[in-house]
Amino acid sequence: MTRALGAMRSRRGRARRAGGFTLLELLVALTVLLLATVVIAELLDATSVLAAEAGRDLAAPDASWALARLRRDLRGAASAHAGAFATGAPLVLEGHPAGRVVYQRVGRRLERSLTSDSGAEATATVLEGVAAWSWNETAPGLVEIQLAVRLPGRGRGRAWQAAQSRLESHHLAVVMRGAGRGRSW
């Protein structure tokens, strides 16, 4: 009889296990699944914010790139047209190997126009968010530039970015060395 009782118990145990999972096992599995979903959602959200910021950075290069370009153009030029510090006055560089180069503030953009010796003209936006632009030839061949750029804040939403934006000021003094002025100090 002991054998018959043992056989019945083992059949009942197998029947209970074959019937599915217990409620506690299901709750533990759902909790683990929920935690994994939350972690993945956070990673996807952070990735999308980084991708949006990288896209903005590619679309609008920072001021250091624009200043480096401006410095190269100034060093390659023989002369600059203008008078005293004139806010918004275009900077016209003559004697540049590539042709005539003009930097001008148009609204909130700093644009660079290049007119080659053949007369072909190409214009490109060098910098976005320009708040102030002025320049002066303080001595023959020495050009000083004042540039202020409003940098957008990081994060989500235009209102947040506007609230977090900051003004960055740059001062640049460059000696022009083009058109026979020499290549070294």
C-alpha atoms as a PDB file:
ATOM      1  CA  MET A   1       0.000   0.000   0.000  1.00  0.00           C
ATOM      2  CA  THR A   2       2.861   2.297   0.598  1.00  0.00           C
ATOM      3  CA  ARG A   3       3.899   1.815  -2.979  1.00  0.00           C
ATOM      4  CA  ALA A   4       0.448   2.708  -4.265  1.00  0.00           C
ATOM      5  CA  LEU A   5       0.339   5.855  -2.080  1.00  0.00           C
ATOM      6  CA  GLY A   6       3.811   6.907  -3.262  1.00  0.00           C
ATOM      7  CA  ALA A   7       2.791   6.389  -6.899  1.00  0.00           C
ATOM      8  CA  MET A   8      -0.341   8.552  -6.445  1.00  0.00           C
ATOM      9  CA  ARG A   9       1.674  11.348  -4.841  1.00  0.00           C
ATOM     10  CA  SER A  10       4.263  11.356  -7.625  1.00  0.00           C
ATOM     11  CA  ARG A  11       1.487  11.484 -10.260  1.00  0.00           C
ATOM     12  CA  ARG A  12      -0.149  14.417  -8.456  1.00  0.00           C
ATOM     13  CA  GLY A  13       3.206  16.272  -8.222  1.00  0.00           C
ATOM     14  CA  ARG A  14       3.850  15.755 -11.928  1.00  0.00           C
ATOM     15  CA  ALA A  15       0.341  16.885 -12.783  1.00  0.00           C
ATOM     16  CA  ARG A  16       0.763  20.084 -10.717  1.00  0.00           C
ATOM     17  CA  ARG A  17       4.137  20.906 -12.334  1.00  0.00           C
ATOM     18  CA  ALA A  18       2.860  20.144 -15.832  1.00  0.00           C
ATOM     19  CA  GLY A  19      -0.082  22.505 -15.318  1.00  0.00           C
ATOM     20  CA  GLY A  20       2.071  25.710 -15.575  1.00  0.00           C
ATOM     21  CA  PHE A  21       3.816  28.279 -13.424  1.00  0.00           C
ATOM     22  CA  THR A  22       2.796  29.449  -9.997  1.00  0.00           C
ATOM     23  CA  LEU A  23       1.531  32.990  -9.464  1.00  0.00           C
ATOM     24  CA  LEU A  24       4.713  33.907  -7.619  1.00  0.00           C
ATOM     25  CA  GLU A  25       6.893  32.731 -10.529  1.00  0.00           C
ATOM     26  CA  LEU A  26       4.827  34.813 -12.968  1.00  0.00           C
ATOM     27  CA  LEU A  27       5.111  37.941 -10.775  1.00  0.00           C
ATOM     28  CA  VAL A  28       8.891  37.579 -10.526  1.00  0.00           C
ATOM     29  CA  ALA A  29       9.205  37.118 -14.306  1.00  0.00           C
ATOM     30  CA  LEU A  30       6.996  40.162 -15.012  1.00  0.00           C
ATOM     31  CA  THR A  31       9.010  42.303 -12.572  1.00  0.00           C
ATOM     32  CA  VAL A  32      12.290  41.347 -14.253  1.00  0.00           C
ATOM     33  CA  LEU A  33      10.774  42.050 -17.677  1.00  0.00           C
ATOM     34  CA  LEU A  34       9.458  45.445 -16.508  1.00  0.00           C
ATOM     35  CA  LEU A  35      12.866  46.464 -15.133  1.00  0.00           C
ATOM     36  CA  ALA A  36      14.584  45.456 -18.378  1.00  0.00           C
ATOM     37  CA  THR A  37      12.034  47.476 -20.385  1.00  0.00           C
ATOM     38  CA  VAL A  38      12.601  50.579 -18.238  1.00  0.00           C
ATOM     39  CA  VAL A  39      16.390  50.333 -18.633  1.00  0.00           C
ATOM     40  CA  ILE A  40      16.105  49.929 -22.411  1.00  0.00           C
ATOM     41  CA  ALA A  41      13.675  52.869 -22.672  1.00  0.00           C
ATOM     42  CA  GLU A  42      16.077  55.110 -20.716  1.00  0.00           C
ATOM     43  CA  LEU A  43      18.982  54.110 -22.968  1.00  0.00           C
ATOM     44  CA  LEU A  44      16.943  54.815 -26.111  1.00  0.00           C
ATOM     45  CA  ASP A  45      15.871  58.208 -24.743  1.00  0.00           C
ATOM     46  CA  ALA A  46      19.442  59.215 -23.896  1.00  0.00           C
ATOM     47  CA  THR A  47      20.611  58.058 -27.314  1.00  0.00           C
ATOM     48  CA  SER A  48      17.969  60.120 -29.113  1.00  0.00           C
ATOM     49  CA  VAL A  49      18.960  63.262 -27.157  1.00  0.00           C
ATOM     50  CA  LEU A  50      22.639  62.727 -28.023  1.00  0.00           C
ATOM     51  CA  ALA A  51      21.785  62.149 -31.687  1.00  0.00           C
ATOM     52  CA  ALA A  52      19.724  65.364 -31.812  1.00  0.00           C
ATOM     53  CA  GLU A  53      22.579  67.366 -30.230  1.00  0.00           C
ATOM     54  CA  ALA A  54      25.095  65.871 -32.659  1.00  0.00           C
ATOM     55  CA  GLY A  55      22.823  66.817 -35.556  1.00  0.00           C
ATOM     56  CA  ARG A  56      22.592  70.405 -34.292  1.00  0.00           C
ATOM     57  CA  ASP A  57      26.369  70.570 -33.907  1.00  0.00           C
ATOM     58  CA  LEU A  58      26.894  69.340 -37.462  1.00  0.00           C
ATOM     59  CA  ALA A  59      24.320  71.748 -38.871  1.00  0.00           C
ATOM     60  CA  ALA A  60      25.790  74.773 -37.055  1.00  0.00           C
ATOM     61  CA  PRO A  61      29.535  74.572 -36.393  1.00  0.00           C
ATOM     62  CA  ASP A  62      30.834  76.282 -33.276  1.00  0.00           C
ATOM     63  CA  ALA A  63      32.628  79.632 -33.157  1.00  0.00           C
ATOM     64  CA  SER A  64      36.123  78.125 -32.906  1.00  0.00           C
ATOM     65  CA  TRP A  65      35.794  76.628 -36.398  1.00  0.00           C
ATOM     66  CA  ALA A  66      34.548  79.952 -37.814  1.00  0.00           C
ATOM     67  CA  LEU A  67      37.347  81.904 -36.106  1.00  0.00           C
ATOM     68  CA  ALA A  68      39.973  79.507 -37.450  1.00  0.00           C
ATOM     69  CA  ARG A  69      38.580  79.985 -40.968  1.00  0.00           C
ATOM     70  CA  LEU A  70      38.541  83.761 -40.515  1.00  0.00           C
ATOM     71  CA  ARG A  71      42.127  83.717 -39.192  1.00  0.00           C
ATOM     72  CA  ARG A  72      43.331  81.715 -42.232  1.00  0.00           C
ATOM     73  CA  ASP A  73      41.612  84.128 -44.627  1.00  0.00           C
ATOM     74  CA  LEU A  74      43.066  87.170 -42.845  1.00  0.00           C
ATOM     75  CA  ARG A  75      46.590  85.762 -42.885  1.00  0.00           C
ATOM     76  CA  GLY A  76      46.309  85.068 -46.612  1.00  0.00           C
ATOM     77  CA  ALA A  77      45.024  88.548 -47.497  1.00  0.00           C
ATOM     78  CA  ALA A  78      47.050  91.623 -48.421  1.00  0.00           C
ATOM     79  CA  SER A  79      44.562  94.288 -47.274  1.00  0.00           C
ATOM     80  CA  ALA A  80      41.228  94.853 -45.568  1.00  0.00           C
ATOM     81  CA  HIS A  81      38.714  97.616 -46.346  1.00  0.00           C
ATOM     82  CA  ALA A  82      37.043  99.580 -43.564  1.00  0.00           C
ATOM     83  CA  GLY A  83      37.289 102.402 -41.102  1.00  0.00           C
ATOM     84  CA  ALA A  84      36.869 102.498 -37.345  1.00  0.00           C
ATOM     85  CA  PHE A  85      35.036  99.776 -35.462  1.00  0.00           C
ATOM     86  CA  ALA A  86      31.850  99.535 -37.440  1.00  0.00           C
ATOM     87  CA  THR A  87      29.184  97.253 -36.049  1.00  0.00           C
ATOM     88  CA  GLY A  88      27.972  95.018 -38.824  1.00  0.00           C
ATOM     89  CA  ALA A  89      30.272  96.450 -41.508  1.00  0.00           C
ATOM     90  CA  PRO A  90      31.436  93.865 -44.027  1.00  0.00           C
ATOM     91  CA  LEU A  91      35.081  92.821 -43.873  1.00  0.00           C
ATOM     92  CA  VAL A  92      36.502  92.840 -47.422  1.00  0.00           C
ATOM     93  CA  LEU A  93      39.832  91.049 -47.870  1.00  0.00           C
ATOM     94  CA  GLU A  94      41.807  91.756 -51.044  1.00  0.00           C
ATOM     95  CA  GLY A  95      44.868  89.956 -52.346  1.00  0.00           C
ATOM     96  CA  HIS A  96      43.828  86.537 -51.038  1.00  0.00           C
ATOM     97  CA  PRO A  97      45.149  83.664 -53.196  1.00  0.00           C
ATOM     98  CA  ALA A  98      41.589  82.342 -53.679  1.00  0.00           C
ATOM     99  CA  GLY A  99      40.245  85.750 -54.715  1.00  0.00           C
ATOM    100  CA  ARG A 100      38.267  88.482 -52.944  1.00  0.00           C
ATOM    101  CA  VAL A 101      36.846  87.311 -49.587  1.00  0.00           C
ATOM    102  CA  VAL A 102      33.994  89.157 -47.834  1.00  0.00           C
ATOM    103  CA  TYR A 103      32.732  88.413 -44.319  1.00  0.00           C
ATOM    104  CA  GLN A 104      29.391  90.009 -43.481  1.00  0.00           C
ATOM    105  CA  ARG A 105      26.766  89.679 -40.795  1.00  0.00           C
ATOM    106  CA  VAL A 106      23.345  88.954 -42.274  1.00  0.00           C
ATOM    107  CA  GLY A 107      20.718  88.799 -39.519  1.00  0.00           C
ATOM    108  CA  ARG A 108      22.016  86.240 -37.011  1.00  0.00           C
ATOM    109  CA  ARG A 109      24.431  84.629 -39.494  1.00  0.00           C
ATOM    110  CA  LEU A 110      28.031  85.386 -40.427  1.00  0.00           C
ATOM    111  CA  GLU A 111      28.441  84.750 -44.154  1.00  0.00           C
ATOM    112  CA  ARG A 112      31.596  84.313 -46.206  1.00  0.00           C
ATOM    113  CA  SER A 113      31.543  85.255 -49.884  1.00  0.00           C
ATOM    114  CA  LEU A 114      34.384  84.346 -52.195  1.00  0.00           C
ATOM    115  CA  THR A 115      34.734  85.970 -55.607  1.00  0.00           C
ATOM    116  CA  SER A 116      37.416  84.293 -57.676  1.00  0.00           C
ATOM    117  CA  ASP A 117      39.536  86.052 -60.292  1.00  0.00           C
ATOM    118  CA  SER A 118      37.264  84.590 -62.987  1.00  0.00           C
ATOM    119  CA  GLY A 119      34.245  86.333 -61.397  1.00  0.00           C
ATOM    120  CA  ALA A 120      32.548  83.237 -59.956  1.00  0.00           C
ATOM    121  CA  GLU A 121      31.003  83.914 -56.552  1.00  0.00           C
ATOM    122  CA  ALA A 122      30.264  81.445 -53.762  1.00  0.00           C
ATOM    123  CA  THR A 123      28.545  82.344 -50.490  1.00  0.00           C
ATOM    124  CA  ALA A 124      28.342  80.152 -47.407  1.00  0.00           C
ATOM    125  CA  THR A 125      27.136  80.607 -43.835  1.00  0.00           C
ATOM    126  CA  VAL A 126      30.142  80.325 -41.532  1.00  0.00           C
ATOM    127  CA  LEU A 127      28.414  80.818 -38.181  1.00  0.00           C
ATOM    128  CA  GLU A 128      24.851  80.898 -36.804  1.00  0.00           C
ATOM    129  CA  GLY A 129      23.618  82.830 -33.767  1.00  0.00           C
ATOM    130  CA  VAL A 130      25.823  85.912 -34.219  1.00  0.00           C
ATOM    131  CA  ALA A 131      24.782  88.589 -31.703  1.00  0.00           C
ATOM    132  CA  ALA A 132      27.502  91.160 -32.505  1.00  0.00           C
ATOM    133  CA  TRP A 133      30.137  91.629 -35.228  1.00  0.00           C
ATOM    134  CA  SER A 134      32.639  94.451 -35.570  1.00  0.00           C
ATOM    135  CA  TRP A 135      36.186  94.818 -36.821  1.00  0.00           C
ATOM    136  CA  ASN A 136      38.930  97.392 -37.267  1.00  0.00           C
ATOM    137  CA  GLU A 137      42.308  97.639 -38.985  1.00  0.00           C
ATOM    138  CA  THR A 138      44.207  99.101 -36.030  1.00  0.00           C
ATOM    139  CA  ALA A 139      47.548  99.302 -37.871  1.00  0.00           C
ATOM    140  CA  PRO A 140      48.607  98.529 -41.429  1.00  0.00           C
ATOM    141  CA  GLY A 141      48.177  94.787 -41.783  1.00  0.00           C
ATOM    142  CA  LEU A 142      46.739  94.260 -38.249  1.00  0.00           C
ATOM    143  CA  VAL A 143      43.023  93.485 -38.007  1.00  0.00           C
ATOM    144  CA  GLU A 144      41.062  93.197 -34.761  1.00  0.00           C
ATOM    145  CA  ILE A 145      37.683  91.445 -34.726  1.00  0.00           C
ATOM    146  CA  GLN A 146      34.989  91.426 -32.016  1.00  0.00           C
ATOM    147  CA  LEU A 147      32.440  88.631 -32.307  1.00  0.00           C
ATOM    148  CA  ALA A 148      29.638  87.616 -29.929  1.00  0.00           C
ATOM    149  CA  VAL A 149      27.678  84.406 -30.465  1.00  0.00           C
ATOM    150  CA  ARG A 150      24.541  83.232 -28.667  1.00  0.00           C
ATOM    151  CA  LEU A 151      24.922  79.517 -28.037  1.00  0.00           C
ATOM    152  CA  PRO A 152      21.735  77.489 -27.551  1.00  0.00           C
ATOM    153  CA  GLY A 153      21.316  75.464 -24.384  1.00  0.00           C
ATOM    154  CA  ARG A 154      21.331  71.692 -24.406  1.00  0.00           C
ATOM    155  CA  GLY A 155      18.294  69.572 -23.706  1.00  0.00           C
ATOM    156  CA  ARG A 156      14.775  69.017 -24.897  1.00  0.00           C
ATOM    157  CA  GLY A 157      12.442  71.637 -26.253  1.00  0.00           C
ATOM    158  CA  ARG A 158      13.039  75.097 -27.666  1.00  0.00           C
ATOM    159  CA  ALA A 159      11.867  76.855 -24.498  1.00  0.00           C
ATOM    160  CA  TRP A 160      14.422  74.930 -22.418  1.00  0.00           C
ATOM    161  CA  GLN A 161      17.198  75.666 -24.915  1.00  0.00           C
ATOM    162  CA  ALA A 162      16.342  79.382 -25.000  1.00  0.00           C
ATOM    163  CA  ALA A 163      16.360  79.577 -21.218  1.00  0.00           C
ATOM    164  CA  GLN A 164      19.729  77.800 -21.022  1.00  0.00           C
ATOM    165  CA  SER A 165      21.421  79.752 -23.855  1.00  0.00           C
ATOM    166  CA  ARG A 166      24.546  81.814 -23.175  1.00  0.00           C
ATOM    167  CA  LEU A 167      26.478  84.588 -24.900  1.00  0.00           C
ATOM    168  CA  GLU A 168      30.065  83.801 -25.887  1.00  0.00           C
ATOM    169  CA  SER A 169      32.397  86.694 -26.823  1.00  0.00           C
ATOM    170  CA  HIS A 170      35.532  86.385 -28.944  1.00  0.00           C
ATOM    171  CA  HIS A 171      38.324  88.849 -29.688  1.00  0.00           C
ATOM    172  CA  LEU A 172      40.704  88.111 -32.525  1.00  0.00           C
ATOM    173  CA  ALA A 173      43.796  90.096 -33.608  1.00  0.00           C
ATOM    174  CA  VAL A 174      45.521  88.870 -36.770  1.00  0.00           C
ATOM    175  CA  VAL A 175      48.440  90.134 -38.845  1.00  0.00           C
ATOM    176  CA  MET A 176      47.818  89.812 -42.590  1.00  0.00           C
ATOM    177  CA  ARG A 177      50.740  88.129 -44.378  1.00  0.00           C
ATOM    178  CA  GLY A 178      49.447  87.594 -47.918  1.00  0.00           C
ATOM    179  CA  ALA A 179      50.450  89.129 -51.256  1.00  0.00           C
ATOM    180  CA  GLY A 180      54.180  89.448 -50.629  1.00  0.00           C
ATOM    181  CA  ARG A 181      54.046  90.232 -46.909  1.00  0.00           C
ATOM    182  CA  GLY A 182      55.883  86.994 -46.161  1.00  0.00           C
ATOM    183  CA  ARG A 183      54.953  83.578 -44.848  1.00  0.00           C
ATOM    184  CA  SER A 184      56.791  83.598 -41.513  1.00  0.00           C
ATOM    185  CA  TRP A 185      57.606  85.924 -38.646  1.00  0.00           C
END
